[in-house]
Amino acid sequence: MEAQESKDEINDRHLEFIQGVINRHNANSFMIKGWAITITAAIFALTGTINEPYLCFIALGPTFMFWVLDAMFVANERSFISLYSCVANRNKFQVKKDELKASAQKGIEGDYKEYTVQSFSMNFTKFRELKKNNWYYVIFSYTFRWFYFSLTFVIIATFIGLKAINKTTDPIKIDATIKNTEGFKIAPVDINTKTLSIDTLHIKEISKPKSTEKK
């Protein structure tokens, strides 16, 4: 009886270790999503400040990078969950053959494959043989599609919105009469907090036809 209780205590401590790793992976996944939103918002702020809508698409790079990184953490978390299930079931765990990758199905007799682990083992790599425990499977899971596709939609919608705002902005009009344009120079002019320089002004010289004198 004492030996059985000692084995149960070892099993419980093993489960606690695995649960701690699962919690850390879950926290990392949450933090990655937060960073994805923060960096995207920062790029939106920069885009609005310098009034360049196309800069919104820069946010697609970090979004895709965090998408893949998040999928890798969740895949590891799922592998540790499989390890947890194995330990909770007295270090034995059966998986249906069709739930395994094609490479792992070879040489399996029957409809199940049984996994075993040693006490206090934290080796989760063997459970990567399950399809659901790989990042390329996780990346298109329901929750990931909902979050990262929504973030991508927000990026595109922000670009369209900024383009529409720029089109509705009334251009600055300046009526001026310039005489003796030879050697003409203009200093920067500040109008409604917008600086106009000779590079942004288009000046068209109009010459009046010479009047014919009556003889």
N, C-alpha and C. Protein backbone atom coordinates (compact mmCIF):
# COMPACT_ATOMS: atom_id res chain seq x y z
N MET A 1 0.83 -1.20 0.00
CA MET A 1 0.00 0.00 0.00
C MET A 1 0.86 1.25 0.00
N GLU A 2 1.95 1.22 0.82
CA GLU A 2 2.86 2.35 0.88
C GLU A 2 3.54 2.56 -0.46
N ALA A 3 3.91 1.48 -1.13
CA ALA A 3 4.56 1.59 -2.44
C ALA A 3 3.60 2.20 -3.45
N GLN A 4 2.31 1.81 -3.35
CA GLN A 4 1.31 2.35 -4.27
C GLN A 4 1.13 3.85 -4.01
N GLU A 5 1.08 4.27 -2.74
CA GLU A 5 0.93 5.69 -2.41
C GLU A 5 2.15 6.47 -2.87
N SER A 6 3.32 5.91 -2.73
CA SER A 6 4.53 6.59 -3.17
C SER A 6 4.51 6.78 -4.69
N LYS A 7 4.00 5.80 -5.40
CA LYS A 7 3.91 5.89 -6.86
C LYS A 7 2.89 6.96 -7.26
N ASP A 8 1.81 7.05 -6.50
CA ASP A 8 0.80 8.07 -6.77
C ASP A 8 1.36 9.47 -6.53
N GLU A 9 2.17 9.62 -5.49
CA GLU A 9 2.78 10.92 -5.19
C GLU A 9 3.74 11.33 -6.31
N ILE A 10 4.51 10.38 -6.79
CA ILE A 10 5.43 10.66 -7.90
C ILE A 10 4.63 11.09 -9.14
N ASN A 11 3.55 10.38 -9.38
CA ASN A 11 2.72 10.69 -10.54
C ASN A 11 2.11 12.10 -10.42
N ASP A 12 1.67 12.46 -9.22
CA ASP A 12 1.07 13.79 -9.00
C ASP A 12 2.10 14.90 -9.20
N ARG A 13 3.31 14.69 -8.69
CA ARG A 13 4.35 15.71 -8.88
C ARG A 13 4.75 15.84 -10.34
N HIS A 14 4.76 14.71 -11.03
CA HIS A 14 5.06 14.74 -12.47
C HIS A 14 4.00 15.56 -13.21
N LEU A 15 2.75 15.37 -12.85
CA LEU A 15 1.67 16.13 -13.47
C LEU A 15 1.79 17.63 -13.17
N GLU A 16 2.23 17.97 -11.98
CA GLU A 16 2.41 19.37 -11.61
C GLU A 16 3.49 20.03 -12.46
N PHE A 17 4.57 19.31 -12.70
CA PHE A 17 5.65 19.85 -13.55
C PHE A 17 5.14 20.11 -14.97
N ILE A 18 4.41 19.13 -15.50
CA ILE A 18 3.90 19.28 -16.86
C ILE A 18 2.89 20.43 -16.93
N GLN A 19 2.03 20.53 -15.91
CA GLN A 19 1.04 21.61 -15.90
C GLN A 19 1.70 22.97 -15.85
N GLY A 20 2.82 23.08 -15.15
CA GLY A 20 3.55 24.35 -15.11
C GLY A 20 4.05 24.76 -16.49
N VAL A 21 4.56 23.79 -17.24
CA VAL A 21 5.03 24.07 -18.61
C VAL A 21 3.86 24.47 -19.50
N ILE A 22 2.74 23.79 -19.36
CA ILE A 22 1.56 24.13 -20.15
C ILE A 22 1.10 25.55 -19.86
N ASN A 23 1.12 25.93 -18.60
CA ASN A 23 0.71 27.29 -18.23
C ASN A 23 1.64 28.34 -18.84
N ARG A 24 2.94 28.06 -18.85
CA ARG A 24 3.89 29.02 -19.43
C ARG A 24 3.68 29.16 -20.93
N HIS A 25 3.44 28.05 -21.60
CA HIS A 25 3.17 28.11 -23.05
C HIS A 25 1.90 28.90 -23.34
N ASN A 26 0.89 28.70 -22.50
CA ASN A 26 -0.36 29.43 -22.69
C ASN A 26 -0.16 30.93 -22.48
N ALA A 27 0.65 31.29 -21.48
CA ALA A 27 0.94 32.70 -21.23
C ALA A 27 1.73 33.31 -22.39
N ASN A 28 2.68 32.55 -22.95
CA ASN A 28 3.45 33.04 -24.09
C ASN A 28 2.56 33.28 -25.30
N SER A 29 1.60 32.38 -25.53
CA SER A 29 0.68 32.54 -26.65
C SER A 29 -0.15 33.81 -26.48
N PHE A 30 -0.62 34.05 -25.27
CA PHE A 30 -1.40 35.26 -25.00
C PHE A 30 -0.55 36.52 -25.20
N MET A 31 0.71 36.46 -24.77
CA MET A 31 1.61 37.61 -24.91
C MET A 31 1.91 37.89 -26.38
N ILE A 32 2.07 36.86 -27.19
CA ILE A 32 2.34 37.04 -28.62
C ILE A 32 1.16 37.75 -29.30
N LYS A 33 -0.05 37.36 -28.97
CA LYS A 33 -1.22 38.04 -29.54
C LYS A 33 -1.25 39.51 -29.13
N GLY A 34 -0.87 39.79 -27.89
CA GLY A 34 -0.82 41.18 -27.43
C GLY A 34 0.21 41.99 -28.19
N TRP A 35 1.38 41.39 -28.44
CA TRP A 35 2.42 42.08 -29.22
C TRP A 35 1.97 42.33 -30.66
N ALA A 36 1.25 41.38 -31.23
CA ALA A 36 0.76 41.54 -32.60
C ALA A 36 -0.17 42.75 -32.69
N ILE A 37 -1.06 42.90 -31.71
CA ILE A 37 -1.98 44.03 -31.71
C ILE A 37 -1.23 45.33 -31.46
N THR A 38 -0.27 45.32 -30.53
CA THR A 38 0.47 46.53 -30.17
C THR A 38 1.28 47.06 -31.36
N ILE A 39 2.02 46.18 -32.03
CA ILE A 39 2.84 46.62 -33.16
C ILE A 39 1.97 47.09 -34.32
N THR A 40 0.87 46.41 -34.56
CA THR A 40 -0.05 46.84 -35.63
C THR A 40 -0.61 48.22 -35.32
N ALA A 41 -1.00 48.47 -34.07
CA ALA A 41 -1.53 49.78 -33.69
C ALA A 41 -0.46 50.86 -33.84
N ALA A 42 0.80 50.54 -33.50
CA ALA A 42 1.89 51.51 -33.64
C ALA A 42 2.11 51.88 -35.11
N ILE A 43 2.03 50.89 -36.00
CA ILE A 43 2.19 51.17 -37.43
C ILE A 43 1.02 52.01 -37.94
N PHE A 44 -0.19 51.75 -37.43
CA PHE A 44 -1.34 52.56 -37.81
C PHE A 44 -1.13 54.02 -37.39
N ALA A 45 -0.59 54.21 -36.18
CA ALA A 45 -0.35 55.57 -35.70
C ALA A 45 0.68 56.29 -36.57
N LEU A 46 1.74 55.58 -36.94
CA LEU A 46 2.76 56.16 -37.82
C LEU A 46 2.16 56.49 -39.19
N THR A 47 1.33 55.59 -39.69
CA THR A 47 0.70 55.81 -41.00
C THR A 47 -0.18 57.05 -40.99
N GLY A 48 -0.97 57.20 -39.92
CA GLY A 48 -1.82 58.38 -39.83
C GLY A 48 -1.05 59.66 -39.64
N THR A 49 0.10 59.58 -38.94
CA THR A 49 0.89 60.78 -38.68
C THR A 49 1.52 61.34 -39.94
N ILE A 50 2.10 60.47 -40.75
CA ILE A 50 2.77 60.94 -41.96
C ILE A 50 1.86 60.86 -43.19
N ASN A 51 0.62 60.41 -42.96
CA ASN A 51 -0.40 60.42 -44.01
C ASN A 51 0.02 59.61 -45.24
N GLU A 52 0.49 58.38 -44.98
CA GLU A 52 0.87 57.47 -46.06
C GLU A 52 0.12 56.15 -45.87
N PRO A 53 -1.05 55.99 -46.50
CA PRO A 53 -1.87 54.79 -46.29
C PRO A 53 -1.16 53.48 -46.60
N TYR A 54 -0.25 53.48 -47.59
CA TYR A 54 0.40 52.23 -48.00
C TYR A 54 1.29 51.65 -46.91
N LEU A 55 1.67 52.46 -45.93
CA LEU A 55 2.49 51.95 -44.83
C LEU A 55 1.71 50.96 -43.97
N CYS A 56 0.39 50.96 -44.09
CA CYS A 56 -0.42 49.99 -43.33
C CYS A 56 0.00 48.56 -43.63
N PHE A 57 0.42 48.31 -44.87
CA PHE A 57 0.75 46.95 -45.28
C PHE A 57 2.05 46.45 -44.64
N ILE A 58 2.83 47.35 -44.04
CA ILE A 58 4.01 46.91 -43.29
C ILE A 58 3.59 46.02 -42.13
N ALA A 59 2.39 46.28 -41.58
CA ALA A 59 1.90 45.51 -40.44
C ALA A 59 1.63 44.05 -40.80
N LEU A 60 1.51 43.74 -42.09
CA LEU A 60 1.27 42.35 -42.49
C LEU A 60 2.47 41.46 -42.17
N GLY A 61 3.68 42.03 -42.24
CA GLY A 61 4.89 41.25 -41.93
C GLY A 61 4.91 40.77 -40.49
N PRO A 62 4.84 41.69 -39.50
CA PRO A 62 4.79 41.23 -38.10
C PRO A 62 3.60 40.34 -37.79
N THR A 63 2.46 40.60 -38.43
CA THR A 63 1.27 39.78 -38.18
C THR A 63 1.52 38.33 -38.59
N PHE A 64 2.10 38.13 -39.78
CA PHE A 64 2.39 36.76 -40.23
C PHE A 64 3.45 36.11 -39.35
N MET A 65 4.47 36.88 -38.95
CA MET A 65 5.53 36.33 -38.11
C MET A 65 4.97 35.87 -36.76
N PHE A 66 4.13 36.71 -36.13
CA PHE A 66 3.53 36.33 -34.84
C PHE A 66 2.55 35.18 -35.01
N TRP A 67 1.89 35.11 -36.16
CA TRP A 67 0.96 34.01 -36.45
C TRP A 67 1.69 32.67 -36.40
N VAL A 68 2.82 32.59 -37.08
CA VAL A 68 3.60 31.34 -37.10
C VAL A 68 4.20 31.05 -35.73
N LEU A 69 4.75 32.07 -35.08
CA LEU A 69 5.36 31.87 -33.76
C LEU A 69 4.33 31.42 -32.75
N ASP A 70 3.15 32.02 -32.79
CA ASP A 70 2.07 31.62 -31.89
C ASP A 70 1.67 30.17 -32.13
N ALA A 71 1.61 29.78 -33.41
CA ALA A 71 1.25 28.40 -33.74
C ALA A 71 2.28 27.41 -33.20
N MET A 72 3.55 27.79 -33.21
CA MET A 72 4.60 26.90 -32.70
C MET A 72 4.46 26.71 -31.19
N PHE A 73 4.16 27.79 -30.47
CA PHE A 73 3.98 27.67 -29.02
C PHE A 73 2.75 26.81 -28.69
N VAL A 74 1.66 27.02 -29.42
CA VAL A 74 0.44 26.24 -29.16
C VAL A 74 0.67 24.77 -29.52
N ALA A 75 1.44 24.49 -30.58
CA ALA A 75 1.74 23.10 -30.94
C ALA A 75 2.53 22.41 -29.83
N ASN A 76 3.50 23.13 -29.26
CA ASN A 76 4.24 22.56 -28.13
C ASN A 76 3.32 22.35 -26.92
N GLU A 77 2.43 23.30 -26.71
CA GLU A 77 1.49 23.18 -25.59
C GLU A 77 0.61 21.94 -25.76
N ARG A 78 0.15 21.71 -26.98
CA ARG A 78 -0.67 20.52 -27.22
C ARG A 78 0.11 19.23 -27.01
N SER A 79 1.40 19.26 -27.37
CA SER A 79 2.24 18.07 -27.15
C SER A 79 2.38 17.78 -25.66
N PHE A 80 2.54 18.84 -24.86
CA PHE A 80 2.64 18.65 -23.41
C PHE A 80 1.30 18.19 -22.83
N ILE A 81 0.20 18.63 -23.43
CA ILE A 81 -1.11 18.16 -22.97
C ILE A 81 -1.24 16.66 -23.23
N SER A 82 -0.73 16.19 -24.37
CA SER A 82 -0.73 14.75 -24.65
C SER A 82 0.14 14.01 -23.65
N LEU A 83 1.29 14.60 -23.31
CA LEU A 83 2.16 14.01 -22.29
C LEU A 83 1.44 13.95 -20.94
N TYR A 84 0.71 15.01 -20.63
CA TYR A 84 -0.04 15.07 -19.37
C TYR A 84 -1.09 13.94 -19.34
N SER A 85 -1.77 13.75 -20.46
CA SER A 85 -2.78 12.69 -20.53
C SER A 85 -2.16 11.31 -20.35
N CYS A 86 -0.97 11.16 -20.90
CA CYS A 86 -0.27 9.88 -20.75
C CYS A 86 0.10 9.61 -19.30
N VAL A 87 0.65 10.62 -18.63
CA VAL A 87 1.05 10.46 -17.22
C VAL A 87 -0.17 10.25 -16.34
N ALA A 88 -1.26 10.99 -16.64
CA ALA A 88 -2.48 10.85 -15.84
C ALA A 88 -3.10 9.47 -15.98
N ASN A 89 -2.77 8.80 -17.08
CA ASN A 89 -3.31 7.45 -17.33
C ASN A 89 -2.27 6.38 -16.99
N ARG A 90 -1.54 6.63 -15.93
CA ARG A 90 -0.53 5.67 -15.46
C ARG A 90 0.56 5.45 -16.50
N ASN A 91 1.02 6.52 -17.12
CA ASN A 91 2.15 6.51 -18.07
C ASN A 91 1.86 5.69 -19.32
N LYS A 92 0.59 5.55 -19.65
CA LYS A 92 0.21 4.86 -20.88
C LYS A 92 -0.84 5.70 -21.61
N PHE A 93 -0.73 5.72 -22.93
CA PHE A 93 -1.62 6.59 -23.71
C PHE A 93 -1.82 5.98 -25.09
N GLN A 94 -3.08 5.80 -25.47
CA GLN A 94 -3.40 5.22 -26.77
C GLN A 94 -3.97 6.30 -27.70
N VAL A 95 -3.53 6.27 -28.95
CA VAL A 95 -3.98 7.23 -29.95
C VAL A 95 -4.46 6.48 -31.18
N LYS A 96 -5.57 6.92 -31.74
CA LYS A 96 -6.08 6.29 -32.96
C LYS A 96 -5.09 6.46 -34.10
N LYS A 97 -5.02 5.47 -34.94
CA LYS A 97 -4.05 5.47 -36.04
C LYS A 97 -4.29 6.63 -37.00
N ASP A 98 -5.56 6.94 -37.27
CA ASP A 98 -5.85 8.01 -38.23
C ASP A 98 -5.58 9.40 -37.68
N GLU A 99 -5.28 9.51 -36.38
CA GLU A 99 -4.93 10.80 -35.78
C GLU A 99 -3.43 11.08 -35.86
N LEU A 100 -2.67 10.13 -36.37
CA LEU A 100 -1.22 10.27 -36.49
C LEU A 100 -0.84 10.75 -37.88
N LYS A 101 0.35 11.30 -37.99
CA LYS A 101 0.88 11.68 -39.30
C LYS A 101 1.12 10.43 -40.13
N ALA A 102 1.16 10.61 -41.43
CA ALA A 102 1.33 9.46 -42.33
C ALA A 102 2.62 8.70 -42.04
N SER A 103 3.69 9.43 -41.72
CA SER A 103 4.98 8.79 -41.45
C SER A 103 4.94 7.96 -40.17
N ALA A 104 4.06 8.34 -39.22
CA ALA A 104 3.97 7.62 -37.95
C ALA A 104 3.04 6.42 -38.02
N GLN A 105 2.25 6.33 -39.07
CA GLN A 105 1.30 5.22 -39.21
C GLN A 105 1.94 3.95 -39.75
N LYS A 106 3.14 4.10 -40.30
CA LYS A 106 3.79 2.95 -40.90
C LYS A 106 4.20 1.93 -39.83
N GLY A 107 3.95 0.68 -40.11
CA GLY A 107 4.36 -0.39 -39.20
C GLY A 107 3.46 -0.58 -38.00
N ILE A 108 2.32 0.11 -37.95
CA ILE A 108 1.41 -0.03 -36.82
C ILE A 108 0.37 -1.10 -37.13
N GLU A 109 0.27 -2.07 -36.26
CA GLU A 109 -0.73 -3.11 -36.42
C GLU A 109 -1.92 -2.78 -35.53
N GLY A 110 -3.08 -2.82 -36.11
CA GLY A 110 -4.27 -2.45 -35.36
C GLY A 110 -4.66 -1.01 -35.60
N ASP A 111 -5.65 -0.53 -34.84
CA ASP A 111 -6.19 0.83 -35.02
C ASP A 111 -5.62 1.83 -34.04
N TYR A 112 -4.76 1.40 -33.13
CA TYR A 112 -4.24 2.30 -32.11
C TYR A 112 -2.72 2.16 -31.99
N LYS A 113 -2.11 3.24 -31.53
CA LYS A 113 -0.70 3.18 -31.15
C LYS A 113 -0.59 3.60 -29.69
N GLU A 114 0.17 2.83 -28.91
CA GLU A 114 0.28 3.09 -27.48
C GLU A 114 1.61 3.78 -27.18
N TYR A 115 1.53 4.83 -26.37
CA TYR A 115 2.72 5.56 -25.93
C TYR A 115 2.92 5.32 -24.45
N THR A 116 4.18 5.23 -24.06
CA THR A 116 4.54 5.11 -22.64
C THR A 116 5.64 6.11 -22.31
N VAL A 117 5.66 6.58 -21.08
CA VAL A 117 6.69 7.53 -20.63
C VAL A 117 7.21 7.08 -19.27
N GLN A 118 8.42 7.49 -18.97
CA GLN A 118 9.01 7.19 -17.68
C GLN A 118 8.63 8.27 -16.67
N SER A 119 8.77 7.96 -15.42
CA SER A 119 8.45 8.92 -14.36
C SER A 119 9.32 10.16 -14.49
N PHE A 120 8.70 11.33 -14.38
CA PHE A 120 9.35 12.64 -14.44
C PHE A 120 9.95 12.95 -15.81
N SER A 121 9.59 12.18 -16.81
CA SER A 121 10.07 12.48 -18.16
C SER A 121 9.31 13.69 -18.72
N MET A 122 10.04 14.65 -19.31
CA MET A 122 9.43 15.83 -19.91
C MET A 122 9.62 15.82 -21.43
N ASN A 123 9.93 14.65 -21.97
CA ASN A 123 10.15 14.52 -23.41
C ASN A 123 8.80 14.49 -24.12
N PHE A 124 8.47 15.58 -24.79
CA PHE A 124 7.18 15.70 -25.47
C PHE A 124 7.30 15.45 -26.97
N THR A 125 8.51 15.27 -27.48
CA THR A 125 8.71 15.22 -28.93
C THR A 125 8.02 14.01 -29.58
N LYS A 126 7.91 12.92 -28.84
CA LYS A 126 7.26 11.73 -29.42
C LYS A 126 5.79 12.00 -29.75
N PHE A 127 5.19 12.95 -29.04
CA PHE A 127 3.78 13.27 -29.28
C PHE A 127 3.59 14.23 -30.45
N ARG A 128 4.70 14.64 -31.08
CA ARG A 128 4.60 15.40 -32.31
C ARG A 128 4.07 14.53 -33.46
N GLU A 129 4.04 13.23 -33.24
CA GLU A 129 3.50 12.33 -34.26
C GLU A 129 2.01 12.54 -34.47
N LEU A 130 1.33 13.15 -33.48
CA LEU A 130 -0.09 13.46 -33.64
C LEU A 130 -0.25 14.66 -34.56
N LYS A 131 -1.19 14.59 -35.48
CA LYS A 131 -1.39 15.68 -36.44
C LYS A 131 -1.67 17.00 -35.74
N LYS A 132 -2.52 16.99 -34.75
CA LYS A 132 -2.96 18.22 -34.10
C LYS A 132 -1.85 18.90 -33.31
N ASN A 133 -0.73 18.20 -33.09
CA ASN A 133 0.36 18.74 -32.28
C ASN A 133 1.47 19.36 -33.12
N ASN A 134 1.17 19.74 -34.36
CA ASN A 134 2.15 20.36 -35.25
C ASN A 134 1.69 21.75 -35.64
N TRP A 135 2.65 22.66 -35.80
CA TRP A 135 2.33 24.06 -36.00
C TRP A 135 1.55 24.31 -37.29
N TYR A 136 1.85 23.56 -38.35
CA TYR A 136 1.15 23.77 -39.62
C TYR A 136 -0.30 23.31 -39.55
N TYR A 137 -0.64 22.49 -38.55
CA TYR A 137 -2.03 22.12 -38.32
C TYR A 137 -2.71 23.17 -37.45
N VAL A 138 -1.96 23.69 -36.48
CA VAL A 138 -2.52 24.68 -35.56
C VAL A 138 -2.78 26.01 -36.26
N ILE A 139 -1.93 26.37 -37.22
CA ILE A 139 -1.98 27.70 -37.81
C ILE A 139 -3.32 28.00 -38.50
N PHE A 140 -4.02 26.95 -38.92
CA PHE A 140 -5.33 27.14 -39.55
C PHE A 140 -6.47 26.63 -38.67
N SER A 141 -6.21 26.52 -37.38
CA SER A 141 -7.28 26.13 -36.47
C SER A 141 -8.30 27.27 -36.35
N TYR A 142 -9.45 26.97 -35.77
CA TYR A 142 -10.56 27.94 -35.74
C TYR A 142 -10.17 29.23 -35.04
N THR A 143 -9.58 29.13 -33.85
CA THR A 143 -9.25 30.33 -33.08
C THR A 143 -8.18 31.17 -33.78
N PHE A 144 -7.22 30.51 -34.41
CA PHE A 144 -6.17 31.25 -35.11
C PHE A 144 -6.74 31.96 -36.33
N ARG A 145 -7.59 31.28 -37.08
CA ARG A 145 -8.19 31.94 -38.24
C ARG A 145 -9.01 33.15 -37.81
N TRP A 146 -9.76 33.01 -36.75
CA TRP A 146 -10.61 34.11 -36.27
C TRP A 146 -9.77 35.31 -35.86
N PHE A 147 -8.69 35.08 -35.12
CA PHE A 147 -7.89 36.20 -34.59
C PHE A 147 -7.05 36.85 -35.68
N TYR A 148 -6.23 36.07 -36.39
CA TYR A 148 -5.26 36.65 -37.31
C TYR A 148 -5.90 37.09 -38.63
N PHE A 149 -6.94 36.41 -39.07
CA PHE A 149 -7.66 36.90 -40.24
C PHE A 149 -8.37 38.21 -39.93
N SER A 150 -8.89 38.32 -38.71
CA SER A 150 -9.53 39.58 -38.30
C SER A 150 -8.51 40.71 -38.26
N LEU A 151 -7.30 40.42 -37.76
CA LEU A 151 -6.26 41.44 -37.71
C LEU A 151 -5.85 41.85 -39.12
N THR A 152 -5.76 40.89 -40.03
CA THR A 152 -5.44 41.20 -41.42
C THR A 152 -6.54 42.05 -42.05
N PHE A 153 -7.79 41.73 -41.75
CA PHE A 153 -8.92 42.51 -42.27
C PHE A 153 -8.86 43.95 -41.76
N VAL A 154 -8.50 44.13 -40.49
CA VAL A 154 -8.38 45.48 -39.92
C VAL A 154 -7.30 46.28 -40.65
N ILE A 155 -6.19 45.62 -40.99
CA ILE A 155 -5.11 46.30 -41.72
C ILE A 155 -5.61 46.80 -43.08
N ILE A 156 -6.30 45.93 -43.80
CA ILE A 156 -6.81 46.30 -45.13
C ILE A 156 -7.88 47.39 -45.01
N ALA A 157 -8.76 47.25 -44.01
CA ALA A 157 -9.82 48.25 -43.82
C ALA A 157 -9.24 49.61 -43.46
N THR A 158 -8.17 49.62 -42.66
CA THR A 158 -7.52 50.88 -42.30
C THR A 158 -6.91 51.55 -43.52
N PHE A 159 -6.29 50.76 -44.38
CA PHE A 159 -5.73 51.30 -45.62
C PHE A 159 -6.82 51.93 -46.48
N ILE A 160 -7.93 51.22 -46.66
CA ILE A 160 -9.03 51.75 -47.47
C ILE A 160 -9.60 53.02 -46.86
N GLY A 161 -9.72 53.02 -45.52
CA GLY A 161 -10.24 54.20 -44.85
C GLY A 161 -9.35 55.42 -45.00
N LEU A 162 -8.03 55.23 -44.86
CA LEU A 162 -7.10 56.35 -45.00
C LEU A 162 -7.07 56.86 -46.44
N LYS A 163 -7.18 55.95 -47.40
CA LYS A 163 -7.23 56.37 -48.81
C LYS A 163 -8.47 57.21 -49.08
N ALA A 164 -9.59 56.81 -48.49
CA ALA A 164 -10.84 57.55 -48.67
C ALA A 164 -10.76 58.93 -48.03
N ILE A 165 -10.12 59.02 -46.85
CA ILE A 165 -9.98 60.31 -46.17
C ILE A 165 -9.11 61.25 -46.99
N ASN A 166 -8.05 60.71 -47.58
CA ASN A 166 -7.16 61.55 -48.39
C ASN A 166 -7.88 62.09 -49.62
N LYS A 167 -8.78 61.31 -50.19
CA LYS A 167 -9.50 61.76 -51.38
C LYS A 167 -10.48 62.87 -51.07
N THR A 168 -11.05 62.84 -49.86
CA THR A 168 -12.05 63.83 -49.50
C THR A 168 -11.44 65.12 -48.96
N THR A 169 -10.14 65.14 -48.77
CA THR A 169 -9.49 66.35 -48.26
C THR A 169 -9.44 67.40 -49.37
N ASP A 170 -9.94 68.58 -49.07
CA ASP A 170 -9.95 69.66 -50.05
C ASP A 170 -8.53 70.16 -50.30
N PRO A 171 -8.14 70.27 -51.55
CA PRO A 171 -6.79 70.77 -51.84
C PRO A 171 -6.69 72.25 -51.53
N ILE A 172 -5.47 72.68 -51.25
CA ILE A 172 -5.22 74.09 -50.98
C ILE A 172 -5.13 74.84 -52.30
N LYS A 173 -5.87 75.91 -52.40
CA LYS A 173 -5.88 76.71 -53.62
C LYS A 173 -5.28 78.08 -53.34
N ILE A 174 -4.39 78.48 -54.20
CA ILE A 174 -3.75 79.79 -54.05
C ILE A 174 -3.94 80.55 -55.36
N ASP A 175 -4.55 81.70 -55.26
CA ASP A 175 -4.69 82.59 -56.41
C ASP A 175 -3.64 83.68 -56.30
N ALA A 176 -2.80 83.78 -57.29
CA ALA A 176 -1.73 84.76 -57.23
C ALA A 176 -1.43 85.27 -58.63
N THR A 177 -1.04 86.52 -58.68
CA THR A 177 -0.59 87.13 -59.93
C THR A 177 0.88 87.46 -59.79
N ILE A 178 1.66 86.91 -60.69
CA ILE A 178 3.11 87.09 -60.61
C ILE A 178 3.58 87.90 -61.81
N LYS A 179 4.30 88.93 -61.54
CA LYS A 179 4.86 89.77 -62.59
C LYS A 179 6.37 89.71 -62.52
N ASN A 180 6.97 89.82 -63.69
CA ASN A 180 8.43 89.81 -63.77
C ASN A 180 8.98 88.52 -63.16
N THR A 181 8.68 87.39 -63.78
CA THR A 181 9.06 86.08 -63.23
C THR A 181 10.51 85.73 -63.47
N GLU A 182 11.24 86.58 -64.08
CA GLU A 182 12.66 86.29 -64.33
C GLU A 182 13.40 86.23 -63.00
N GLY A 183 14.05 85.12 -62.79
CA GLY A 183 14.78 84.94 -61.53
C GLY A 183 13.84 84.81 -60.35
N PHE A 184 12.62 84.26 -60.59
CA PHE A 184 11.62 84.17 -59.54
C PHE A 184 12.01 83.11 -58.51
N LYS A 185 11.87 83.45 -57.22
CA LYS A 185 12.13 82.52 -56.13
C LYS A 185 11.01 82.65 -55.11
N ILE A 186 10.72 81.57 -54.44
CA ILE A 186 9.68 81.60 -53.42
C ILE A 186 10.19 80.89 -52.17
N ALA A 187 9.91 81.48 -51.03
CA ALA A 187 10.28 80.87 -49.75
C ALA A 187 9.14 79.96 -49.32
N PRO A 188 9.41 78.97 -48.45
CA PRO A 188 8.33 78.10 -47.98
C PRO A 188 7.19 78.90 -47.35
N VAL A 189 5.97 78.53 -47.67
CA VAL A 189 4.79 79.22 -47.16
C VAL A 189 4.02 78.25 -46.29
N ASP A 190 3.62 78.69 -45.09
CA ASP A 190 2.88 77.85 -44.17
C ASP A 190 1.41 78.25 -44.22
N ILE A 191 0.56 77.31 -44.72
CA ILE A 191 -0.86 77.59 -44.84
C ILE A 191 -1.61 76.44 -44.17
N ASN A 192 -2.37 76.77 -43.13
CA ASN A 192 -3.13 75.75 -42.39
C ASN A 192 -2.24 74.60 -41.93
N THR A 193 -1.12 74.97 -41.34
CA THR A 193 -0.13 74.02 -40.79
C THR A 193 0.49 73.13 -41.86
N LYS A 194 0.30 73.45 -43.15
CA LYS A 194 0.94 72.69 -44.21
C LYS A 194 1.97 73.58 -44.90
N THR A 195 3.16 73.07 -45.01
CA THR A 195 4.24 73.85 -45.59
C THR A 195 4.32 73.60 -47.09
N LEU A 196 4.29 74.69 -47.83
CA LEU A 196 4.40 74.60 -49.28
C LEU A 196 5.74 75.19 -49.69
N SER A 197 6.44 74.52 -50.53
CA SER A 197 7.71 75.00 -51.03
C SER A 197 7.66 75.06 -52.54
N ILE A 198 8.73 75.52 -53.13
CA ILE A 198 8.79 75.63 -54.58
C ILE A 198 8.65 74.27 -55.24
N ASP A 199 9.01 73.18 -54.47
CA ASP A 199 8.91 71.84 -55.03
C ASP A 199 7.47 71.35 -55.10
N THR A 200 6.60 71.89 -54.24
CA THR A 200 5.21 71.42 -54.21
C THR A 200 4.26 72.34 -54.95
N LEU A 201 4.77 73.48 -55.46
CA LEU A 201 3.94 74.41 -56.22
C LEU A 201 4.18 74.21 -57.72
N HIS A 202 3.12 74.18 -58.44
CA HIS A 202 3.22 74.08 -59.89
C HIS A 202 2.85 75.44 -60.48
N ILE A 203 3.81 76.11 -61.06
CA ILE A 203 3.61 77.46 -61.58
C ILE A 203 3.61 77.41 -63.09
N LYS A 204 2.58 77.92 -63.65
CA LYS A 204 2.46 77.96 -65.10
C LYS A 204 2.52 79.41 -65.56
N GLU A 205 3.47 79.70 -66.39
CA GLU A 205 3.64 81.08 -66.87
C GLU A 205 2.72 81.31 -68.07
N ILE A 206 1.90 82.32 -67.94
CA ILE A 206 0.95 82.66 -69.00
C ILE A 206 1.37 83.99 -69.59
N SER A 207 1.63 84.00 -70.85
CA SER A 207 2.02 85.26 -71.52
C SER A 207 0.85 85.75 -72.35
N LYS A 208 0.59 87.01 -72.17
CA LYS A 208 -0.51 87.63 -72.91
C LYS A 208 -0.06 87.94 -74.33
N PRO A 209 -0.98 87.78 -75.26
CA PRO A 209 -0.59 88.11 -76.66
C PRO A 209 -0.35 89.61 -76.79
N LYS A 210 0.60 89.92 -77.62
CA LYS A 210 0.94 91.32 -77.81
C LYS A 210 -0.19 92.04 -78.56
N SER A 211 -0.55 93.17 -78.02
CA SER A 211 -1.66 93.93 -78.64
C SER A 211 -1.13 94.64 -79.89
N THR A 212 -1.90 94.63 -80.91
CA THR A 212 -1.50 95.30 -82.17
C THR A 212 -1.93 96.75 -82.14
N GLU A 213 -1.00 97.60 -82.42
CA GLU A 213 -1.27 99.04 -82.40
C GLU A 213 -1.91 99.45 -83.72
N LYS A 214 -2.90 100.34 -83.60
CA LYS A 214 -3.54 100.85 -84.81
C LYS A 214 -2.68 101.87 -85.49
N LYS A 215 -2.54 101.68 -86.74
CA LYS A 215 -1.76 102.63 -87.53
C LYS A 215 -2.60 103.84 -87.88
